[in-house]
PDB file of N, CA and C in Angstrom:
ATOM      1  N   MET A   1      -0.126  99.602  72.608  1.00  0.00           N
ATOM      2  CA  MET A   1      -0.515  98.814  71.448  1.00  0.00           C
ATOM      3  C   MET A   1       0.629  98.639  70.485  1.00  0.00           C
ATOM      4  N   GLY A   2       0.723  97.508  69.840  1.00  0.00           N
ATOM      5  CA  GLY A   2       1.790  97.204  68.913  1.00  0.00           C
ATOM      6  C   GLY A   2       1.586  97.774  67.532  1.00  0.00           C
ATOM      7  N   ARG A   3       2.569  97.530  66.735  1.00  0.00           N
ATOM      8  CA  ARG A   3       2.514  97.996  65.358  1.00  0.00           C
ATOM      9  C   ARG A   3       1.471  97.230  64.550  1.00  0.00           C
ATOM     10  N   SER A   4       0.738  97.941  63.728  1.00  0.00           N
ATOM     11  CA  SER A   4      -0.273  97.293  62.902  1.00  0.00           C
ATOM     12  C   SER A   4       0.136  97.172  61.441  1.00  0.00           C
ATOM     13  N   PHE A   5       1.376  97.535  61.150  1.00  0.00           N
ATOM     14  CA  PHE A   5       1.894  97.463  59.778  1.00  0.00           C
ATOM     15  C   PHE A   5       3.342  97.028  59.806  1.00  0.00           C
ATOM     16  N   LEU A   6       3.790  96.456  58.732  1.00  0.00           N
ATOM     17  CA  LEU A   6       5.187  96.026  58.658  1.00  0.00           C
ATOM     18  C   LEU A   6       6.102  97.228  58.364  1.00  0.00           C
ATOM     19  N   SER A   7       7.283  97.198  58.972  1.00  0.00           N
ATOM     20  CA  SER A   7       8.297  98.170  58.620  1.00  0.00           C
ATOM     21  C   SER A   7       8.842  97.783  57.262  1.00  0.00           C
ATOM     22  N   VAL A   8       9.567  98.685  56.629  1.00  0.00           N
ATOM     23  CA  VAL A   8      10.168  98.386  55.329  1.00  0.00           C
ATOM     24  C   VAL A   8      11.096  97.169  55.457  1.00  0.00           C
ATOM     25  N   ARG A   9      11.876  97.148  56.518  1.00  0.00           N
ATOM     26  CA  ARG A   9      12.825  96.034  56.725  1.00  0.00           C
ATOM     27  C   ARG A   9      12.072  94.708  56.865  1.00  0.00           C
ATOM     28  N   GLN A  10      10.977  94.680  57.609  1.00  0.00           N
ATOM     29  CA  GLN A  10      10.138  93.434  57.738  1.00  0.00           C
ATOM     30  C   GLN A  10       9.558  93.073  56.392  1.00  0.00           C
ATOM     31  N   GLY A  11       9.137  94.077  55.608  1.00  0.00           N
ATOM     32  CA  GLY A  11       8.596  93.840  54.299  1.00  0.00           C
ATOM     33  C   GLY A  11       9.609  93.233  53.364  1.00  0.00           C
ATOM     34  N   VAL A  12      10.851  93.723  53.449  1.00  0.00           N
ATOM     35  CA  VAL A  12      11.953  93.220  52.627  1.00  0.00           C
ATOM     36  C   VAL A  12      12.214  91.761  52.970  1.00  0.00           C
ATOM     37  N   ASN A  13      12.263  91.440  54.287  1.00  0.00           N
ATOM     38  CA  ASN A  13      12.472  90.078  54.699  1.00  0.00           C
ATOM     39  C   ASN A  13      11.357  89.165  54.244  1.00  0.00           C
ATOM     40  N   SER A  14      10.095  89.655  54.260  1.00  0.00           N
ATOM     41  CA  SER A  14       8.969  88.912  53.804  1.00  0.00           C
ATOM     42  C   SER A  14       9.097  88.601  52.296  1.00  0.00           C
ATOM     43  N   ILE A  15       9.504  89.588  51.518  1.00  0.00           N
ATOM     44  CA  ILE A  15       9.691  89.411  50.091  1.00  0.00           C
ATOM     45  C   ILE A  15      10.821  88.387  49.836  1.00  0.00           C
ATOM     46  N   ALA A  16      11.938  88.518  50.562  1.00  0.00           N
ATOM     47  CA  ALA A  16      13.050  87.578  50.413  1.00  0.00           C
ATOM     48  C   ALA A  16      12.622  86.164  50.745  1.00  0.00           C
ATOM     49  N   ASP A  17      11.805  86.010  51.746  1.00  0.00           N
ATOM     50  CA  ASP A  17      11.336  84.672  52.119  1.00  0.00           C
ATOM     51  C   ASP A  17      10.437  84.078  51.006  1.00  0.00           C
ATOM     52  N   ARG A  18       9.548  84.909  50.431  1.00  0.00           N
ATOM     53  CA  ARG A  18       8.716  84.456  49.294  1.00  0.00           C
ATOM     54  C   ARG A  18       9.587  84.061  48.111  1.00  0.00           C
ATOM     55  N   TRP A  19      10.553  84.905  47.803  1.00  0.00           N
ATOM     56  CA  TRP A  19      11.442  84.622  46.662  1.00  0.00           C
ATOM     57  C   TRP A  19      12.220  83.349  46.906  1.00  0.00           C
ATOM     58  N   GLU A  20      12.642  83.133  48.159  1.00  0.00           N
ATOM     59  CA  GLU A  20      13.409  81.907  48.502  1.00  0.00           C
ATOM     60  C   GLU A  20      12.564  80.663  48.249  1.00  0.00           C
ATOM     61  N   ARG A  21      11.313  80.702  48.665  1.00  0.00           N
ATOM     62  CA  ARG A  21      10.419  79.557  48.455  1.00  0.00           C
ATOM     63  C   ARG A  21      10.205  79.321  46.933  1.00  0.00           C
ATOM     64  N   ALA A  22      10.108  80.404  46.198  1.00  0.00           N
ATOM     65  CA  ALA A  22       9.806  80.303  44.744  1.00  0.00           C
ATOM     66  C   ALA A  22      11.045  79.928  43.948  1.00  0.00           C
ATOM     67  N   SER A  23      12.229  80.134  44.467  1.00  0.00           N
ATOM     68  CA  SER A  23      13.463  79.949  43.654  1.00  0.00           C
ATOM     69  C   SER A  23      13.713  78.483  43.365  1.00  0.00           C
ATOM     70  N   ARG A  24      13.395  77.608  44.225  1.00  0.00           N
ATOM     71  CA  ARG A  24      13.546  76.135  44.015  1.00  0.00           C
ATOM     72  C   ARG A  24      14.956  75.788  43.491  1.00  0.00           C
ATOM     73  N   GLY A  25      15.959  76.363  44.082  1.00  0.00           N
ATOM     74  CA  GLY A  25      17.323  75.975  43.759  1.00  0.00           C
ATOM     75  C   GLY A  25      17.941  76.639  42.534  1.00  0.00           C
ATOM     76  N   LYS A  26      17.242  77.546  41.892  1.00  0.00           N
ATOM     77  CA  LYS A  26      17.825  78.200  40.717  1.00  0.00           C
ATOM     78  C   LYS A  26      18.901  79.169  41.181  1.00  0.00           C
ATOM     79  N   ARG A  27      20.073  79.088  40.534  1.00  0.00           N
ATOM     80  CA  ARG A  27      21.218  79.855  40.956  1.00  0.00           C
ATOM     81  C   ARG A  27      20.959  81.350  41.026  1.00  0.00           C
ATOM     82  N   TYR A  28      20.395  81.903  39.975  1.00  0.00           N
ATOM     83  CA  TYR A  28      20.211  83.352  39.912  1.00  0.00           C
ATOM     84  C   TYR A  28      19.122  83.804  40.893  1.00  0.00           C
ATOM     85  N   SER A  29      18.144  82.981  41.095  1.00  0.00           N
ATOM     86  CA  SER A  29      17.099  83.288  42.066  1.00  0.00           C
ATOM     87  C   SER A  29      17.670  83.340  43.467  1.00  0.00           C
ATOM     88  N   ARG A  30      18.517  82.372  43.763  1.00  0.00           N
ATOM     89  CA  ARG A  30      19.158  82.323  45.093  1.00  0.00           C
ATOM     90  C   ARG A  30      20.002  83.593  45.307  1.00  0.00           C
ATOM     91  N   ARG A  31      20.667  84.031  44.255  1.00  0.00           N
ATOM     92  CA  ARG A  31      21.483  85.220  44.374  1.00  0.00           C
ATOM     93  C   ARG A  31      20.612  86.480  44.735  1.00  0.00           C
ATOM     94  N   MET A  32      19.456  86.567  44.108  1.00  0.00           N
ATOM     95  CA  MET A  32      18.545  87.693  44.435  1.00  0.00           C
ATOM     96  C   MET A  32      18.091  87.624  45.896  1.00  0.00           C
ATOM     97  N   VAL A  33      17.835  86.404  46.364  1.00  0.00           N
ATOM     98  CA  VAL A  33      17.414  86.247  47.755  1.00  0.00           C
ATOM     99  C   VAL A  33      18.567  86.664  48.689  1.00  0.00           C
ATOM    100  N   GLU A  34      19.766  86.237  48.370  1.00  0.00           N
ATOM    101  CA  GLU A  34      20.919  86.625  49.168  1.00  0.00           C
ATOM    102  C   GLU A  34      21.097  88.120  49.228  1.00  0.00           C
ATOM    103  N   LEU A  35      20.972  88.768  48.084  1.00  0.00           N
ATOM    104  CA  LEU A  35      21.097  90.222  48.033  1.00  0.00           C
ATOM    105  C   LEU A  35      20.014  90.917  48.845  1.00  0.00           C
ATOM    106  N   ALA A  36      18.788  90.409  48.704  1.00  0.00           N
ATOM    107  CA  ALA A  36      17.667  91.029  49.430  1.00  0.00           C
ATOM    108  C   ALA A  36      17.915  90.945  50.950  1.00  0.00           C
ATOM    109  N   LYS A  37      18.325  89.775  51.406  1.00  0.00           N
ATOM    110  CA  LYS A  37      18.532  89.561  52.839  1.00  0.00           C
ATOM    111  C   LYS A  37      19.724  90.306  53.362  1.00  0.00           C
ATOM    112  N   SER A  38      20.786  90.389  52.605  1.00  0.00           N
ATOM    113  CA  SER A  38      21.983  91.039  53.109  1.00  0.00           C
ATOM    114  C   SER A  38      21.901  92.561  53.098  1.00  0.00           C
ATOM    115  N   TYR A  39      21.029  93.097  52.266  1.00  0.00           N
ATOM    116  CA  TYR A  39      20.887  94.559  52.181  1.00  0.00           C
ATOM    117  C   TYR A  39      19.552  95.068  52.685  1.00  0.00           C
ATOM    118  N   SER A  40      18.868  94.235  53.474  1.00  0.00           N
ATOM    119  CA  SER A  40      17.517  94.607  53.933  1.00  0.00           C
ATOM    120  C   SER A  40      17.562  95.870  54.810  1.00  0.00           C
ATOM    121  N   SER A  41      18.603  96.010  55.616  1.00  0.00           N
ATOM    122  CA  SER A  41      18.620  97.183  56.494  1.00  0.00           C
ATOM    123  C   SER A  41      19.219  98.394  55.818  1.00  0.00           C
ATOM    124  N   GLU A  42      19.898  98.232  54.696  1.00  0.00           N
ATOM    125  CA  GLU A  42      20.538  99.353  53.987  1.00  0.00           C
ATOM    126  C   GLU A  42      19.549 100.094  53.123  1.00  0.00           C
ATOM    127  N   GLY A  43      18.752  99.379  52.375  1.00  0.00           N
ATOM    128  CA  GLY A  43      17.866  99.944  51.386  1.00  0.00           C
ATOM    129  C   GLY A  43      16.717 100.715  51.952  1.00  0.00           C
ATOM    130  N   PHE A  44      16.272 100.407  53.184  1.00  0.00           N
ATOM    131  CA  PHE A  44      15.101 101.057  53.711  1.00  0.00           C
ATOM    132  C   PHE A  44      15.333 102.516  54.075  1.00  0.00           C
ATOM    133  N   MET A  45      16.562 102.955  54.087  1.00  0.00           N
ATOM    134  CA  MET A  45      16.853 104.363  54.454  1.00  0.00           C
ATOM    135  C   MET A  45      16.257 105.320  53.435  1.00  0.00           C
ATOM    136  N   GLY A  46      16.258 104.981  52.164  1.00  0.00           N
ATOM    137  CA  GLY A  46      15.743 105.893  51.171  1.00  0.00           C
ATOM    138  C   GLY A  46      14.473 105.501  50.488  1.00  0.00           C
ATOM    139  N   CYS A  47      13.914 104.378  50.881  1.00  0.00           N
ATOM    140  CA  CYS A  47      12.731 103.823  50.191  1.00  0.00           C
ATOM    141  C   CYS A  47      11.632 103.516  51.212  1.00  0.00           C
ATOM    142  N   ASN A  48      10.407 103.844  50.825  1.00  0.00           N
ATOM    143  CA  ASN A  48       9.262 103.535  51.683  1.00  0.00           C
ATOM    144  C   ASN A  48       8.630 102.204  51.288  1.00  0.00           C
ATOM    145  N   ASP A  49       8.920 101.738  50.110  1.00  0.00           N
ATOM    146  CA  ASP A  49       8.313 100.522  49.547  1.00  0.00           C
ATOM    147  C   ASP A  49       9.328  99.375  49.655  1.00  0.00           C
ATOM    148  N   PRO A  50       8.959  98.228  50.333  1.00  0.00           N
ATOM    149  CA  PRO A  50       9.913  97.147  50.464  1.00  0.00           C
ATOM    150  C   PRO A  50      10.436  96.592  49.142  1.00  0.00           C
ATOM    151  N   LEU A  51       9.558  96.427  48.155  1.00  0.00           N
ATOM    152  CA  LEU A  51       9.996  95.950  46.867  1.00  0.00           C
ATOM    153  C   LEU A  51      10.960  96.874  46.189  1.00  0.00           C
ATOM    154  N   GLU A  52      10.688  98.156  46.264  1.00  0.00           N
ATOM    155  CA  GLU A  52      11.613  99.153  45.675  1.00  0.00           C
ATOM    156  C   GLU A  52      12.962  99.075  46.399  1.00  0.00           C
ATOM    157  N   SER A  53      12.940  98.917  47.689  1.00  0.00           N
ATOM    158  CA  SER A  53      14.192  98.800  48.448  1.00  0.00           C
ATOM    159  C   SER A  53      15.005  97.621  48.044  1.00  0.00           C
ATOM    160  N   VAL A  54      14.359  96.457  47.890  1.00  0.00           N
ATOM    161  CA  VAL A  54      15.016  95.237  47.487  1.00  0.00           C
ATOM    162  C   VAL A  54      15.654  95.413  46.101  1.00  0.00           C
ATOM    163  N   LEU A  55      14.872  95.846  45.169  1.00  0.00           N
ATOM    164  CA  LEU A  55      15.336  95.975  43.775  1.00  0.00           C
ATOM    165  C   LEU A  55      16.422  97.023  43.634  1.00  0.00           C
ATOM    166  N   PHE A  56      16.295  98.146  44.322  1.00  0.00           N
ATOM    167  CA  PHE A  56      17.308  99.191  44.272  1.00  0.00           C
ATOM    168  C   PHE A  56      18.619  98.668  44.794  1.00  0.00           C
ATOM    169  N   SER A  57      18.618  98.011  45.950  1.00  0.00           N
ATOM    170  CA  SER A  57      19.846  97.496  46.512  1.00  0.00           C
ATOM    171  C   SER A  57      20.457  96.413  45.660  1.00  0.00           C
ATOM    172  N   ALA A  58      19.640  95.515  45.135  1.00  0.00           N
ATOM    173  CA  ALA A  58      20.149  94.421  44.302  1.00  0.00           C
ATOM    174  C   ALA A  58      20.771  94.981  43.021  1.00  0.00           C
ATOM    175  N   VAL A  59      20.111  95.910  42.378  1.00  0.00           N
ATOM    176  CA  VAL A  59      20.651  96.451  41.125  1.00  0.00           C
ATOM    177  C   VAL A  59      21.951  97.245  41.394  1.00  0.00           C
ATOM    178  N   ALA A  60      22.004  97.943  42.507  1.00  0.00           N
ATOM    179  CA  ALA A  60      23.241  98.695  42.833  1.00  0.00           C
ATOM    180  C   ALA A  60      24.408  97.697  43.050  1.00  0.00           C
ATOM    181  N   VAL A  61      24.169  96.603  43.747  1.00  0.00           N
ATOM    182  CA  VAL A  61      25.241  95.632  43.958  1.00  0.00           C
ATOM    183  C   VAL A  61      25.640  94.954  42.661  1.00  0.00           C
ATOM    184  N   MET A  62      24.671  94.605  41.832  1.00  0.00           N
ATOM    185  CA  MET A  62      24.988  93.937  40.545  1.00  0.00           C
ATOM    186  C   MET A  62      25.752  94.919  39.631  1.00  0.00           C
ATOM    187  N   GLN A  63      25.428  96.147  39.643  1.00  0.00           N
ATOM    188  CA  GLN A  63      26.128  97.124  38.828  1.00  0.00           C
ATOM    189  C   GLN A  63      27.548  97.264  39.320  1.00  0.00           C
ATOM    190  N   LYS A  64      27.789  97.305  40.604  1.00  0.00           N
ATOM    191  CA  LYS A  64      29.128  97.367  41.150  1.00  0.00           C
ATOM    192  C   LYS A  64      29.936  96.127  40.769  1.00  0.00           C
ATOM    193  N   GLU A  65      29.321  94.944  40.892  1.00  0.00           N
ATOM    194  CA  GLU A  65      29.999  93.714  40.507  1.00  0.00           C
ATOM    195  C   GLU A  65      30.358  93.741  39.016  1.00  0.00           C
ATOM    196  N   ARG A  66      29.460  94.219  38.187  1.00  0.00           N
ATOM    197  CA  ARG A  66      29.675  94.275  36.736  1.00  0.00           C
ATOM    198  C   ARG A  66      30.858  95.191  36.435  1.00  0.00           C
ATOM    199  N   GLU A  67      30.875  96.373  37.088  1.00  0.00           N
ATOM    200  CA  GLU A  67      31.990  97.301  36.860  1.00  0.00           C
ATOM    201  C   GLU A  67      33.317  96.689  37.285  1.00  0.00           C
ATOM    202  N   ASN A  68      33.337  95.963  38.379  1.00  0.00           N
ATOM    203  CA  ASN A  68      34.549  95.322  38.870  1.00  0.00           C
ATOM    204  C   ASN A  68      35.018  94.273  37.880  1.00  0.00           C
ATOM    205  N   LEU A  69      34.089  93.538  37.248  1.00  0.00           N
ATOM    206  CA  LEU A  69      34.454  92.546  36.250  1.00  0.00           C
ATOM    207  C   LEU A  69      35.008  93.212  34.993  1.00  0.00           C
ATOM    208  N   LEU A  70      34.423  94.275  34.581  1.00  0.00           N
ATOM    209  CA  LEU A  70      34.867  94.996  33.354  1.00  0.00           C
ATOM    210  C   LEU A  70      36.249  95.584  33.575  1.00  0.00           C
ATOM    211  N   GLN A  71      36.539  96.076  34.773  1.00  0.00           N
ATOM    212  CA  GLN A  71      37.875  96.640  35.084  1.00  0.00           C
ATOM    213  C   GLN A  71      38.909  95.568  35.121  1.00  0.00           C
ATOM    214  N   GLY A  72      38.547  94.350  35.454  1.00  0.00           N
ATOM    215  CA  GLY A  72      39.523  93.283  35.519  1.00  0.00           C
ATOM    216  C   GLY A  72      39.865  92.662  34.186  1.00  0.00           C
ATOM    217  N   GLN A  73      39.182  93.047  33.150  1.00  0.00           N
ATOM    218  CA  GLN A  73      39.474  92.501  31.801  1.00  0.00           C
ATOM    219  C   GLN A  73      40.652  93.159  31.163  1.00  0.00           C
TER     220      GLN A  73
END
């Protein structure tokens, strides 16, 4: 018998797909979708909830980008 529930990675992809449909071309929304899709396999290691995984990974990347920008000033 197959799986009757989504894995965290599948849940993350489902969330990213919903966000992509909702973004309607908004730049920052597209960025969140990109982050969710690119880090879908990374975040599930420490999180059981797909939304938590997406948000944790996205915030970590944005914080790193922010620090890199501040160091470049």
